Amino acid sequence: MKIADIELGERPVFLAPMEEVTDVSFRRFCKEFGADMMYTEFISSDGLIRNAGKSLKKLEIFDYERPIGIQIYGHLKDAMVEAAIIAERANPDVIDINFGCPMKKIVRRGAGSGMMNNVPLMVEITDAIVKAVKKPVTVKTRLGYDEENKNIVDIAERLQDVGIKAITIHGRTRSQLYTGKADWTLIGAVKNNPRMTIPVIGNGDIRSGFDAYEAFEKYGVDGIMIGRATVGCPWIFEEIKHFLKHKSPLPPKNVAEVSTLVKKHLLLSVELKGERGGILEMRRHFAHYYRGLPNFRETRIKLLTSLNVDEILQIIDSIDERYGELFMPPVDEKH
């Protein structure tokens, strides 16, 4: 599979952009475990234009992460174009447009998947960005706004016609948020539409190597993207690659192996963001890393309330002493 001139190999696996999750430290481990392409946290076009520190920080990328995309979102054409130009200066491999985020605070402004209520504007913004930047432009979106408006086949054609180089489709509508089951049949319909010539990447409910294998085999997508199932389990990329190659799962990791990774993640996060910032960033990961362990509530509270690195490392050591030889639940049971 290729996005423009970017060679991604056969059956690539992508890390989805996730707010306050896919920061530099988390991306490093996803890359080490085999992610073929990754994206930054999604970035507000308004924030970039205002030179907001938090937004600008998200532009930070490193050569070892390549190929990597910077994803932007917004609802105003001029602001989106300006933001794309600013993002391009950070030298990503692609500029990605978020037309898929279902969160209320974004949708009510007409951004994210709220744009699916205004397809002409979606196409107009995309066309303007494609013309304004030299980097390949890609789009991430959903099946439609609601059950009565699953218009992704038409949308995908129109976006391709204005020059995007790949499209990622989450198999839910905006109204579903993250509930119910992802519908891959429409993703497959886009891929099998004879008018489509760009890569189609499927997203939604990929939680195991078998899920990934089925997505490729049954729906014919060019690539798959994984979001929520990576949180607390960045090694899912390794598991998927193994299953695609050998048609069998890897043995599960034990708690001691996971703790070794948690320590590395914590220390890298602190190195990059300072002790307080790094720890606060890690809180969303701690409980996910140890999800499924029995009688873990008291320990979880300690992990989520401490603001001292040495104390947290001691807590992790105590987890090893208590659970170290236990195997973690399979990915498809954890998420």
C-alpha atoms as a PDB file:
ATOM      1  CA  MET A   1       0.000   0.000   0.000  1.00  0.00           C
ATOM      2  CA  LYS A   2       1.160   3.519  -0.788  1.00  0.00           C
ATOM      3  CA  ILE A   3      -0.079   6.957   0.216  1.00  0.00           C
ATOM      4  CA  ALA A   4       1.200   9.125  -2.619  1.00  0.00           C
ATOM      5  CA  ASP A   5       4.899   8.113  -2.674  1.00  0.00           C
ATOM      6  CA  ILE A   6       4.950   6.761   0.896  1.00  0.00           C
ATOM      7  CA  GLU A   7       5.474   3.002   0.813  1.00  0.00           C
ATOM      8  CA  LEU A   8       3.764   1.265   3.735  1.00  0.00           C
ATOM      9  CA  GLY A   9       4.100  -2.369   2.745  1.00  0.00           C
ATOM     10  CA  GLU A  10       1.422  -5.021   2.593  1.00  0.00           C
ATOM     11  CA  ARG A  11      -1.476  -4.826   5.064  1.00  0.00           C
ATOM     12  CA  PRO A  12      -0.196  -1.892   7.129  1.00  0.00           C
ATOM     13  CA  VAL A  13      -1.493  -1.170  10.621  1.00  0.00           C
ATOM     14  CA  PHE A  14      -2.006   2.476  11.653  1.00  0.00           C
ATOM     15  CA  LEU A  15      -2.167   4.162  15.064  1.00  0.00           C
ATOM     16  CA  ALA A  16      -5.221   6.421  15.217  1.00  0.00           C
ATOM     17  CA  PRO A  17      -4.872  10.023  16.412  1.00  0.00           C
ATOM     18  CA  MET A  18      -6.336  10.344  19.908  1.00  0.00           C
ATOM     19  CA  GLU A  19      -6.539  13.478  22.024  1.00  0.00           C
ATOM     20  CA  GLU A  20      -4.290  13.304  25.094  1.00  0.00           C
ATOM     21  CA  VAL A  21      -3.271   9.745  24.226  1.00  0.00           C
ATOM     22  CA  THR A  22      -1.053   9.666  21.134  1.00  0.00           C
ATOM     23  CA  ASP A  23       1.604  12.006  22.454  1.00  0.00           C
ATOM     24  CA  VAL A  24       5.311  11.537  21.748  1.00  0.00           C
ATOM     25  CA  SER A  25       5.949   9.076  24.574  1.00  0.00           C
ATOM     26  CA  PHE A  26       3.052   6.749  23.724  1.00  0.00           C
ATOM     27  CA  ARG A  27       3.845   6.864  20.020  1.00  0.00           C
ATOM     28  CA  ARG A  28       7.381   5.673  20.694  1.00  0.00           C
ATOM     29  CA  PHE A  29       6.176   2.391  22.132  1.00  0.00           C
ATOM     30  CA  CYS A  30       3.559   1.889  19.432  1.00  0.00           C
ATOM     31  CA  LYS A  31       6.321   2.326  16.866  1.00  0.00           C
ATOM     32  CA  GLU A  32       8.599  -0.123  18.660  1.00  0.00           C
ATOM     33  CA  PHE A  33       5.817  -2.705  18.635  1.00  0.00           C
ATOM     34  CA  GLY A  34       5.314  -2.356  14.901  1.00  0.00           C
ATOM     35  CA  ALA A  35       2.905   0.472  14.017  1.00  0.00           C
ATOM     36  CA  ASP A  36       3.441   1.133  10.314  1.00  0.00           C
ATOM     37  CA  MET A  37       2.149   4.708  10.406  1.00  0.00           C
ATOM     38  CA  MET A  38       1.125   6.975  13.247  1.00  0.00           C
ATOM     39  CA  TYR A  39      -0.629  10.290  13.780  1.00  0.00           C
ATOM     40  CA  THR A  40      -0.233  13.032  16.321  1.00  0.00           C
ATOM     41  CA  GLU A  41      -3.014  13.962  18.673  1.00  0.00           C
ATOM     42  CA  PHE A  42      -5.554  15.903  16.637  1.00  0.00           C
ATOM     43  CA  ILE A  43      -4.921  19.636  16.688  1.00  0.00           C
ATOM     44  CA  SER A  44      -7.381  22.511  16.652  1.00  0.00           C
ATOM     45  CA  SER A  45      -6.995  24.823  13.667  1.00  0.00           C
ATOM     46  CA  ASP A  46      -7.933  27.739  15.903  1.00  0.00           C
ATOM     47  CA  GLY A  47      -5.232  26.764  18.398  1.00  0.00           C
ATOM     48  CA  LEU A  48      -2.545  26.666  15.733  1.00  0.00           C
ATOM     49  CA  ILE A  49      -3.539  30.040  14.325  1.00  0.00           C
ATOM     50  CA  ARG A  50      -3.473  31.616  17.807  1.00  0.00           C
ATOM     51  CA  ASN A  51      -0.050  30.059  18.437  1.00  0.00           C
ATOM     52  CA  ALA A  52      -1.483  28.343  21.482  1.00  0.00           C
ATOM     53  CA  GLY A  53       1.308  26.546  23.308  1.00  0.00           C
ATOM     54  CA  LYS A  54      -0.564  23.281  23.769  1.00  0.00           C
ATOM     55  CA  SER A  55      -1.437  23.073  20.078  1.00  0.00           C
ATOM     56  CA  LEU A  56       2.061  23.966  18.913  1.00  0.00           C
ATOM     57  CA  LYS A  57       3.555  21.322  21.219  1.00  0.00           C
ATOM     58  CA  LYS A  58       1.545  18.667  19.408  1.00  0.00           C
ATOM     59  CA  LEU A  59       3.428  19.475  16.194  1.00  0.00           C
ATOM     60  CA  GLU A  60       6.600  17.946  17.643  1.00  0.00           C
ATOM     61  CA  ILE A  61       7.612  14.859  15.688  1.00  0.00           C
ATOM     62  CA  PHE A  62      10.832  12.850  15.361  1.00  0.00           C
ATOM     63  CA  ASP A  63      12.456  11.092  12.422  1.00  0.00           C
ATOM     64  CA  TYR A  64      12.200   7.656  14.042  1.00  0.00           C
ATOM     65  CA  GLU A  65       8.408   8.036  14.014  1.00  0.00           C
ATOM     66  CA  ARG A  66       8.153   8.288  10.244  1.00  0.00           C
ATOM     67  CA  PRO A  67       5.971   7.976   8.368  1.00  0.00           C
ATOM     68  CA  ILE A  68       3.764  10.163  10.542  1.00  0.00           C
ATOM     69  CA  GLY A  69       0.803  12.434   9.933  1.00  0.00           C
ATOM     70  CA  ILE A  70      -0.373  15.586  11.663  1.00  0.00           C
ATOM     71  CA  GLN A  71      -4.144  15.738  11.989  1.00  0.00           C
ATOM     72  CA  ILE A  72      -6.075  19.007  12.187  1.00  0.00           C
ATOM     73  CA  TYR A  73      -9.727  19.805  12.767  1.00  0.00           C
ATOM     74  CA  GLY A  74     -11.955  22.850  12.508  1.00  0.00           C
ATOM     75  CA  HIS A  75     -15.036  24.223  10.774  1.00  0.00           C
ATOM     76  CA  LEU A  76     -13.832  27.376   8.981  1.00  0.00           C
ATOM     77  CA  LYS A  77     -12.172  27.043   5.588  1.00  0.00           C
ATOM     78  CA  ASP A  78      -9.657  29.864   5.911  1.00  0.00           C
ATOM     79  CA  ALA A  79      -8.625  28.769   9.401  1.00  0.00           C
ATOM     80  CA  MET A  80      -8.220  25.163   8.285  1.00  0.00           C
ATOM     81  CA  VAL A  81      -6.075  26.185   5.324  1.00  0.00           C
ATOM     82  CA  GLU A  82      -3.859  28.365   7.507  1.00  0.00           C
ATOM     83  CA  ALA A  83      -3.557  25.573  10.081  1.00  0.00           C
ATOM     84  CA  ALA A  84      -2.590  23.090   7.375  1.00  0.00           C
ATOM     85  CA  ILE A  85       0.159  25.415   6.171  1.00  0.00           C
ATOM     86  CA  ILE A  86       1.455  25.788   9.743  1.00  0.00           C
ATOM     87  CA  ALA A  87       1.333  22.016  10.262  1.00  0.00           C
ATOM     88  CA  GLU A  88       3.222  21.443   7.023  1.00  0.00           C
ATOM     89  CA  ARG A  89       6.141  23.490   8.378  1.00  0.00           C
ATOM     90  CA  ALA A  90       6.654  20.796  11.012  1.00  0.00           C
ATOM     91  CA  ASN A  91       7.473  18.481   8.076  1.00  0.00           C
ATOM     92  CA  PRO A  92       5.085  15.565   8.617  1.00  0.00           C
ATOM     93  CA  ASP A  93       4.681  12.960   5.914  1.00  0.00           C
ATOM     94  CA  VAL A  94       0.975  13.738   5.475  1.00  0.00           C
ATOM     95  CA  ILE A  95      -1.609  16.287   6.550  1.00  0.00           C
ATOM     96  CA  ASP A  96      -4.742  14.540   7.795  1.00  0.00           C
ATOM     97  CA  ILE A  97      -8.146  16.195   8.177  1.00  0.00           C
ATOM     98  CA  ASN A  98     -10.406  15.080  11.000  1.00  0.00           C
ATOM     99  CA  PHE A  99     -14.004  14.751   9.841  1.00  0.00           C
ATOM    100  CA  GLY A 100     -14.658  11.922  12.260  1.00  0.00           C
ATOM    101  CA  CYS A 101     -14.471  13.073  15.878  1.00  0.00           C
ATOM    102  CA  PRO A 102     -17.957  12.612  17.424  1.00  0.00           C
ATOM    103  CA  MET A 103     -17.442  14.600  20.641  1.00  0.00           C
ATOM    104  CA  LYS A 104     -20.225  17.074  21.353  1.00  0.00           C
ATOM    105  CA  LYS A 105     -17.988  20.096  22.007  1.00  0.00           C
ATOM    106  CA  ILE A 106     -16.429  19.680  18.555  1.00  0.00           C
ATOM    107  CA  VAL A 107     -19.517  18.607  16.616  1.00  0.00           C
ATOM    108  CA  ARG A 108     -21.691  21.469  17.854  1.00  0.00           C
ATOM    109  CA  ARG A 109     -19.274  23.876  16.161  1.00  0.00           C
ATOM    110  CA  GLY A 110     -19.645  21.947  12.925  1.00  0.00           C
ATOM    111  CA  ALA A 111     -16.173  20.402  13.126  1.00  0.00           C
ATOM    112  CA  GLY A 112     -15.165  16.738  13.278  1.00  0.00           C
ATOM    113  CA  SER A 113     -18.034  14.472  12.263  1.00  0.00           C
ATOM    114  CA  GLY A 114     -20.332  17.496  12.553  1.00  0.00           C
ATOM    115  CA  MET A 115     -19.016  18.306   9.090  1.00  0.00           C
ATOM    116  CA  MET A 116     -20.956  15.314   7.765  1.00  0.00           C
ATOM    117  CA  ASN A 117     -24.045  17.510   8.031  1.00  0.00           C
ATOM    118  CA  ASN A 118     -22.481  19.869   5.501  1.00  0.00           C
ATOM    119  CA  VAL A 119     -20.820  17.762   2.833  1.00  0.00           C
ATOM    120  CA  PRO A 120     -20.350  20.651   0.365  1.00  0.00           C
ATOM    121  CA  LEU A 121     -18.322  22.542   2.995  1.00  0.00           C
ATOM    122  CA  MET A 122     -16.377  19.375   3.835  1.00  0.00           C
ATOM    123  CA  VAL A 123     -15.412  19.032   0.190  1.00  0.00           C
ATOM    124  CA  GLU A 124     -14.658  22.750  -0.147  1.00  0.00           C
ATOM    125  CA  ILE A 125     -12.328  22.735   2.871  1.00  0.00           C
ATOM    126  CA  THR A 126     -10.572  19.599   1.667  1.00  0.00           C
ATOM    127  CA  ASP A 127     -10.112  21.015  -1.828  1.00  0.00           C
ATOM    128  CA  ALA A 128      -8.644  24.233  -0.432  1.00  0.00           C
ATOM    129  CA  ILE A 129      -6.177  22.379   1.800  1.00  0.00           C
ATOM    130  CA  VAL A 130      -5.057  20.066  -1.015  1.00  0.00           C
ATOM    131  CA  LYS A 131      -4.297  23.132  -3.125  1.00  0.00           C
ATOM    132  CA  ALA A 132      -2.539  24.996  -0.283  1.00  0.00           C
ATOM    133  CA  VAL A 133       0.008  22.374   0.792  1.00  0.00           C
ATOM    134  CA  LYS A 134       2.578  20.209  -0.948  1.00  0.00           C
ATOM    135  CA  LYS A 135       2.304  17.255   1.435  1.00  0.00           C
ATOM    136  CA  PRO A 136      -0.222  14.503   0.663  1.00  0.00           C
ATOM    137  CA  VAL A 137      -3.602  15.175   2.254  1.00  0.00           C
ATOM    138  CA  THR A 138      -5.672  12.378   3.794  1.00  0.00           C
ATOM    139  CA  VAL A 139      -9.035  12.329   5.558  1.00  0.00           C
ATOM    140  CA  LYS A 140     -10.503  10.429   8.497  1.00  0.00           C
ATOM    141  CA  THR A 141     -14.273  10.274   8.709  1.00  0.00           C
ATOM    142  CA  ARG A 142     -17.298   8.117   9.610  1.00  0.00           C
ATOM    143  CA  LEU A 143     -20.114   6.331   7.795  1.00  0.00           C
ATOM    144  CA  GLY A 144     -22.371   9.363   8.049  1.00  0.00           C
ATOM    145  CA  TYR A 145     -24.028  11.593  10.595  1.00  0.00           C
ATOM    146  CA  ASP A 146     -26.774   9.186  11.671  1.00  0.00           C
ATOM    147  CA  GLU A 147     -28.544   5.977  10.664  1.00  0.00           C
ATOM    148  CA  GLU A 148     -30.630   7.772   8.019  1.00  0.00           C
ATOM    149  CA  ASN A 149     -27.609   9.451   6.442  1.00  0.00           C
ATOM    150  CA  LYS A 150     -24.919   6.847   5.828  1.00  0.00           C
ATOM    151  CA  ASN A 151     -23.522   8.619   2.789  1.00  0.00           C
ATOM    152  CA  ILE A 152     -19.870   7.602   3.011  1.00  0.00           C
ATOM    153  CA  VAL A 153     -19.729   6.026  -0.469  1.00  0.00           C
ATOM    154  CA  ASP A 154     -20.648   9.358  -2.079  1.00  0.00           C
ATOM    155  CA  ILE A 155     -18.477  11.360   0.331  1.00  0.00           C
ATOM    156  CA  ALA A 156     -15.434   9.206  -0.370  1.00  0.00           C
ATOM    157  CA  GLU A 157     -15.818   9.718  -4.117  1.00  0.00           C
ATOM    158  CA  ARG A 158     -16.144  13.469  -3.745  1.00  0.00           C
ATOM    159  CA  LEU A 159     -13.112  13.734  -1.467  1.00  0.00           C
ATOM    160  CA  GLN A 160     -11.054  11.606  -3.829  1.00  0.00           C
ATOM    161  CA  ASP A 161     -12.105  13.867  -6.697  1.00  0.00           C
ATOM    162  CA  VAL A 162     -10.569  16.916  -5.010  1.00  0.00           C
ATOM    163  CA  GLY A 163      -7.250  15.179  -4.482  1.00  0.00           C
ATOM    164  CA  ILE A 164      -6.942  13.346  -1.167  1.00  0.00           C
ATOM    165  CA  LYS A 165      -4.449  10.461  -1.239  1.00  0.00           C
ATOM    166  CA  ALA A 166      -6.152   8.088   1.229  1.00  0.00           C
ATOM    167  CA  ILE A 167      -9.285   7.877   3.348  1.00  0.00           C
ATOM    168  CA  THR A 168      -9.783   6.281   6.760  1.00  0.00           C
ATOM    169  CA  ILE A 169     -13.344   5.328   7.660  1.00  0.00           C
ATOM    170  CA  HIS A 170     -14.578   4.574  11.167  1.00  0.00           C
ATOM    171  CA  GLY A 171     -17.421   2.099  10.922  1.00  0.00           C
ATOM    172  CA  ARG A 172     -19.932   4.048  12.997  1.00  0.00           C
ATOM    173  CA  THR A 173     -22.064   7.126  12.478  1.00  0.00           C
ATOM    174  CA  ARG A 174     -21.580  10.286  14.498  1.00  0.00           C
ATOM    175  CA  SER A 175     -24.781   9.562  16.411  1.00  0.00           C
ATOM    176  CA  GLN A 176     -23.434   6.205  17.577  1.00  0.00           C
ATOM    177  CA  LEU A 177     -20.386   7.800  19.183  1.00  0.00           C
ATOM    178  CA  TYR A 178     -18.506   4.645  20.250  1.00  0.00           C
ATOM    179  CA  THR A 179     -21.551   2.522  21.086  1.00  0.00           C
ATOM    180  CA  GLY A 180     -22.834  -0.509  19.239  1.00  0.00           C
ATOM    181  CA  LYS A 181     -20.797  -2.486  16.762  1.00  0.00           C
ATOM    182  CA  ALA A 182     -18.762  -0.982  13.952  1.00  0.00           C
ATOM    183  CA  ASP A 183     -20.321  -1.688  10.541  1.00  0.00           C
ATOM    184  CA  TRP A 184     -17.573  -2.751   8.179  1.00  0.00           C
ATOM    185  CA  THR A 185     -19.916  -3.534   5.294  1.00  0.00           C
ATOM    186  CA  LEU A 186     -20.007   0.111   4.211  1.00  0.00           C
ATOM    187  CA  ILE A 187     -16.242   0.397   4.578  1.00  0.00           C
ATOM    188  CA  GLY A 188     -16.032  -2.568   2.250  1.00  0.00           C
ATOM    189  CA  ALA A 189     -18.507  -0.884  -0.122  1.00  0.00           C
ATOM    190  CA  VAL A 190     -16.200   2.115  -0.391  1.00  0.00           C
ATOM    191  CA  LYS A 191     -13.176  -0.094  -1.022  1.00  0.00           C
ATOM    192  CA  ASN A 192     -15.013  -2.121  -3.668  1.00  0.00           C
ATOM    193  CA  ASN A 193     -16.482   0.915  -5.421  1.00  0.00           C
ATOM    194  CA  PRO A 194     -14.895   0.767  -8.893  1.00  0.00           C
ATOM    195  CA  ARG A 195     -14.560   4.563  -8.887  1.00  0.00           C
ATOM    196  CA  MET A 196     -12.217   4.497  -5.895  1.00  0.00           C
ATOM    197  CA  THR A 197      -8.509   4.423  -6.673  1.00  0.00           C
ATOM    198  CA  ILE A 198      -6.997   5.717  -3.423  1.00  0.00           C
ATOM    199  CA  PRO A 199      -6.242   3.483  -0.391  1.00  0.00           C
ATOM    200  CA  VAL A 200      -9.140   2.806   1.963  1.00  0.00           C
ATOM    201  CA  ILE A 201      -8.227   2.253   5.622  1.00  0.00           C
ATOM    202  CA  GLY A 202     -10.766   0.688   7.968  1.00  0.00           C
ATOM    203  CA  ASN A 203     -11.191   1.631  11.615  1.00  0.00           C
ATOM    204  CA  GLY A 204     -13.410   0.396  14.430  1.00  0.00           C
ATOM    205  CA  ASP A 205     -13.494  -2.579  16.820  1.00  0.00           C
ATOM    206  CA  ILE A 206     -10.094  -4.023  15.876  1.00  0.00           C
ATOM    207  CA  ARG A 207      -9.084  -5.636  19.168  1.00  0.00           C
ATOM    208  CA  SER A 208      -7.083  -8.683  18.165  1.00  0.00           C
ATOM    209  CA  GLY A 209      -5.020 -10.266  15.453  1.00  0.00           C
ATOM    210  CA  PHE A 210      -8.033 -12.204  14.259  1.00  0.00           C
ATOM    211  CA  ASP A 211     -10.108  -9.007  13.969  1.00  0.00           C
ATOM    212  CA  ALA A 212      -7.378  -7.505  11.799  1.00  0.00           C
ATOM    213  CA  TYR A 213      -7.101 -10.627   9.660  1.00  0.00           C
ATOM    214  CA  GLU A 214     -10.856 -10.696   9.110  1.00  0.00           C
ATOM    215  CA  ALA A 215     -10.937  -7.001   8.152  1.00  0.00           C
ATOM    216  CA  PHE A 216      -8.366  -7.558   5.433  1.00  0.00           C
ATOM    217  CA  GLU A 217      -9.786 -10.844   4.198  1.00  0.00           C
ATOM    218  CA  LYS A 218     -13.495 -10.074   4.353  1.00  0.00           C
ATOM    219  CA  TYR A 219     -13.618  -6.408   3.381  1.00  0.00           C
ATOM    220  CA  GLY A 220     -10.499  -6.010   1.250  1.00  0.00           C
ATOM    221  CA  VAL A 221      -9.284  -2.806   2.915  1.00  0.00           C
ATOM    222  CA  ASP A 222      -5.786  -1.585   2.154  1.00  0.00           C
ATOM    223  CA  GLY A 223      -4.933  -0.920   5.796  1.00  0.00           C
ATOM    224  CA  ILE A 224      -6.448  -0.902   9.256  1.00  0.00           C
ATOM    225  CA  MET A 225      -6.326   1.750  11.952  1.00  0.00           C
ATOM    226  CA  ILE A 226      -6.490   1.048  15.679  1.00  0.00           C
ATOM    227  CA  GLY A 227      -7.493   3.558  18.329  1.00  0.00           C
ATOM    228  CA  ARG A 228      -8.910   2.711  21.738  1.00  0.00           C
ATOM    229  CA  ALA A 229      -7.592  -0.862  21.795  1.00  0.00           C
ATOM    230  CA  THR A 230      -4.021   0.466  21.851  1.00  0.00           C
ATOM    231  CA  VAL A 231      -4.518   2.274  25.177  1.00  0.00           C
ATOM    232  CA  GLY A 232      -2.845   0.141  27.805  1.00  0.00           C
ATOM    233  CA  CYS A 233      -1.827  -2.292  25.088  1.00  0.00           C
ATOM    234  CA  PRO A 234       0.615  -0.748  22.594  1.00  0.00           C
ATOM    235  CA  TRP A 235       1.912  -4.263  21.893  1.00  0.00           C
ATOM    236  CA  ILE A 236      -1.317  -4.960  19.985  1.00  0.00           C
ATOM    237  CA  PHE A 237       0.604  -4.014  16.834  1.00  0.00           C
ATOM    238  CA  GLU A 238       3.054  -6.832  17.501  1.00  0.00           C
ATOM    239  CA  GLU A 239       0.205  -9.259  18.121  1.00  0.00           C
ATOM    240  CA  ILE A 240      -1.569  -8.272  14.914  1.00  0.00           C
ATOM    241  CA  LYS A 241       1.573  -8.533  12.798  1.00  0.00           C
ATOM    242  CA  HIS A 242       2.249 -11.992  14.229  1.00  0.00           C
ATOM    243  CA  PHE A 243      -1.308 -13.170  13.528  1.00  0.00           C
ATOM    244  CA  LEU A 244      -1.301 -11.828   9.969  1.00  0.00           C
ATOM    245  CA  LYS A 245       1.931 -13.677   9.285  1.00  0.00           C
ATOM    246  CA  HIS A 246       1.386 -16.940  11.175  1.00  0.00           C
ATOM    247  CA  LYS A 247      -2.418 -17.146  11.575  1.00  0.00           C
ATOM    248  CA  SER A 248      -1.947 -17.812  15.277  1.00  0.00           C
ATOM    249  CA  PRO A 249      -1.863 -15.538  18.363  1.00  0.00           C
ATOM    250  CA  LEU A 250       1.181 -14.658  20.401  1.00  0.00           C
ATOM    251  CA  PRO A 251       1.304 -15.889  24.001  1.00  0.00           C
ATOM    252  CA  PRO A 252      -0.130 -13.261  26.386  1.00  0.00           C
ATOM    253  CA  LYS A 253       2.216 -11.025  28.337  1.00  0.00           C
ATOM    254  CA  ASN A 254       2.499 -11.467  32.065  1.00  0.00           C
ATOM    255  CA  VAL A 255       2.161  -8.613  34.509  1.00  0.00           C
ATOM    256  CA  ALA A 256       5.924  -8.364  35.067  1.00  0.00           C
ATOM    257  CA  GLU A 257       6.487  -7.768  31.347  1.00  0.00           C
ATOM    258  CA  VAL A 258       3.786  -5.109  31.300  1.00  0.00           C
ATOM    259  CA  SER A 259       5.273  -3.406  34.370  1.00  0.00           C
ATOM    260  CA  THR A 260       8.640  -3.122  32.650  1.00  0.00           C
ATOM    261  CA  LEU A 261       6.929  -1.248  29.828  1.00  0.00           C
ATOM    262  CA  VAL A 262       4.892   0.923  32.229  1.00  0.00           C
ATOM    263  CA  LYS A 263       8.083   2.052  33.958  1.00  0.00           C
ATOM    264  CA  LYS A 264       9.713   2.956  30.651  1.00  0.00           C
ATOM    265  CA  HIS A 265       6.596   4.848  29.569  1.00  0.00           C
ATOM    266  CA  LEU A 266       6.416   6.737  32.859  1.00  0.00           C
ATOM    267  CA  LEU A 267      10.073   7.754  32.829  1.00  0.00           C
ATOM    268  CA  LEU A 268       9.934   8.885  29.201  1.00  0.00           C
ATOM    269  CA  SER A 269       6.766  10.876  29.843  1.00  0.00           C
ATOM    270  CA  VAL A 270       8.426  12.609  32.819  1.00  0.00           C
ATOM    271  CA  GLU A 271      11.578  13.265  30.785  1.00  0.00           C
ATOM    272  CA  LEU A 272       9.543  14.977  28.073  1.00  0.00           C
ATOM    273  CA  LYS A 273       6.987  16.845  30.211  1.00  0.00           C
ATOM    274  CA  GLY A 274       8.492  17.226  33.651  1.00  0.00           C
ATOM    275  CA  GLU A 275       7.514  15.265  36.749  1.00  0.00           C
ATOM    276  CA  ARG A 276       4.040  16.688  37.305  1.00  0.00           C
ATOM    277  CA  GLY A 277       3.079  16.952  33.633  1.00  0.00           C
ATOM    278  CA  GLY A 278       4.450  13.520  32.818  1.00  0.00           C
ATOM    279  CA  ILE A 279       2.625  11.853  35.689  1.00  0.00           C
ATOM    280  CA  LEU A 280      -0.665  13.549  34.907  1.00  0.00           C
ATOM    281  CA  GLU A 281      -0.310  12.426  31.297  1.00  0.00           C
ATOM    282  CA  MET A 282       0.296   8.846  32.452  1.00  0.00           C
ATOM    283  CA  ARG A 283      -2.824   8.642  34.582  1.00  0.00           C
ATOM    284  CA  ARG A 284      -5.013   7.845  31.591  1.00  0.00           C
ATOM    285  CA  HIS A 285      -2.692   4.915  30.829  1.00  0.00           C
ATOM    286  CA  PHE A 286      -2.077   3.372  34.255  1.00  0.00           C
ATOM    287  CA  ALA A 287      -5.472   1.764  34.806  1.00  0.00           C
ATOM    288  CA  HIS A 288      -5.600   0.522  31.216  1.00  0.00           C
ATOM    289  CA  TYR A 289      -2.213  -1.158  31.466  1.00  0.00           C
ATOM    290  CA  TYR A 290      -3.415  -3.177  34.446  1.00  0.00           C
ATOM    291  CA  ARG A 291      -7.045  -3.611  33.428  1.00  0.00           C
ATOM    292  CA  GLY A 292      -8.527  -6.928  34.449  1.00  0.00           C
ATOM    293  CA  LEU A 293      -6.366  -7.606  37.496  1.00  0.00           C
ATOM    294  CA  PRO A 294      -8.362  -8.897  40.482  1.00  0.00           C
ATOM    295  CA  ASN A 295      -8.697  -6.873  43.691  1.00  0.00           C
ATOM    296  CA  PHE A 296      -6.840  -3.962  42.123  1.00  0.00           C
ATOM    297  CA  ARG A 297      -9.008  -1.015  43.185  1.00  0.00           C
ATOM    298  CA  GLU A 298      -6.852   0.213  46.074  1.00  0.00           C
ATOM    299  CA  THR A 299      -3.671  -0.025  44.018  1.00  0.00           C
ATOM    300  CA  ARG A 300      -5.333   1.748  41.098  1.00  0.00           C
ATOM    301  CA  ILE A 301      -6.306   4.648  43.357  1.00  0.00           C
ATOM    302  CA  LYS A 302      -2.688   4.957  44.520  1.00  0.00           C
ATOM    303  CA  LEU A 303      -1.458   5.007  40.922  1.00  0.00           C
ATOM    304  CA  LEU A 304      -3.983   7.654  39.981  1.00  0.00           C
ATOM    305  CA  THR A 305      -3.329   9.977  42.912  1.00  0.00           C
ATOM    306  CA  SER A 306       0.425   9.958  43.426  1.00  0.00           C
ATOM    307  CA  LEU A 307       2.461  12.845  42.039  1.00  0.00           C
ATOM    308  CA  ASN A 308       5.879  11.419  42.901  1.00  0.00           C
ATOM    309  CA  VAL A 309       7.846   9.334  40.407  1.00  0.00           C
ATOM    310  CA  ASP A 310       9.720   7.290  43.000  1.00  0.00           C
ATOM    311  CA  GLU A 311       6.487   6.499  44.813  1.00  0.00           C
ATOM    312  CA  ILE A 312       4.826   5.358  41.590  1.00  0.00           C
ATOM    313  CA  LEU A 313       7.810   3.150  40.746  1.00  0.00           C
ATOM    314  CA  GLN A 314       7.458   1.553  44.183  1.00  0.00           C
ATOM    315  CA  ILE A 315       3.759   0.962  43.542  1.00  0.00           C
ATOM    316  CA  ILE A 316       4.610  -0.734  40.253  1.00  0.00           C
ATOM    317  CA  ASP A 317       7.153  -2.931  42.064  1.00  0.00           C
ATOM    318  CA  SER A 318       4.460  -3.921  44.542  1.00  0.00           C
ATOM    319  CA  ILE A 319       2.189  -4.872  41.627  1.00  0.00           C
ATOM    320  CA  ASP A 320       4.928  -7.166  40.347  1.00  0.00           C
ATOM    321  CA  GLU A 321       5.344  -8.777  43.735  1.00  0.00           C
ATOM    322  CA  ARG A 322       1.635  -9.493  43.921  1.00  0.00           C
ATOM    323  CA  TYR A 323       0.679 -10.265  40.315  1.00  0.00           C
ATOM    324  CA  GLY A 324       3.932 -10.641  38.357  1.00  0.00           C
ATOM    325  CA  GLU A 325       3.411 -14.185  37.101  1.00  0.00           C
ATOM    326  CA  LEU A 326      -0.229 -13.669  36.126  1.00  0.00           C
ATOM    327  CA  PHE A 327      -0.967 -13.411  32.417  1.00  0.00           C
ATOM    328  CA  MET A 328      -2.821 -10.378  31.175  1.00  0.00           C
ATOM    329  CA  PRO A 329      -6.292 -10.989  29.709  1.00  0.00           C
ATOM    330  CA  PRO A 330      -6.390 -11.272  25.884  1.00  0.00           C
ATOM    331  CA  VAL A 331      -6.716  -7.968  24.060  1.00  0.00           C
ATOM    332  CA  ASP A 332     -10.208  -8.736  22.791  1.00  0.00           C
ATOM    333  CA  GLU A 333     -11.403  -9.267  26.346  1.00  0.00           C
ATOM    334  CA  LYS A 334      -9.724  -6.166  27.734  1.00  0.00           C
ATOM    335  CA  HIS A 335     -11.265  -3.618  25.396  1.00  0.00           C
END
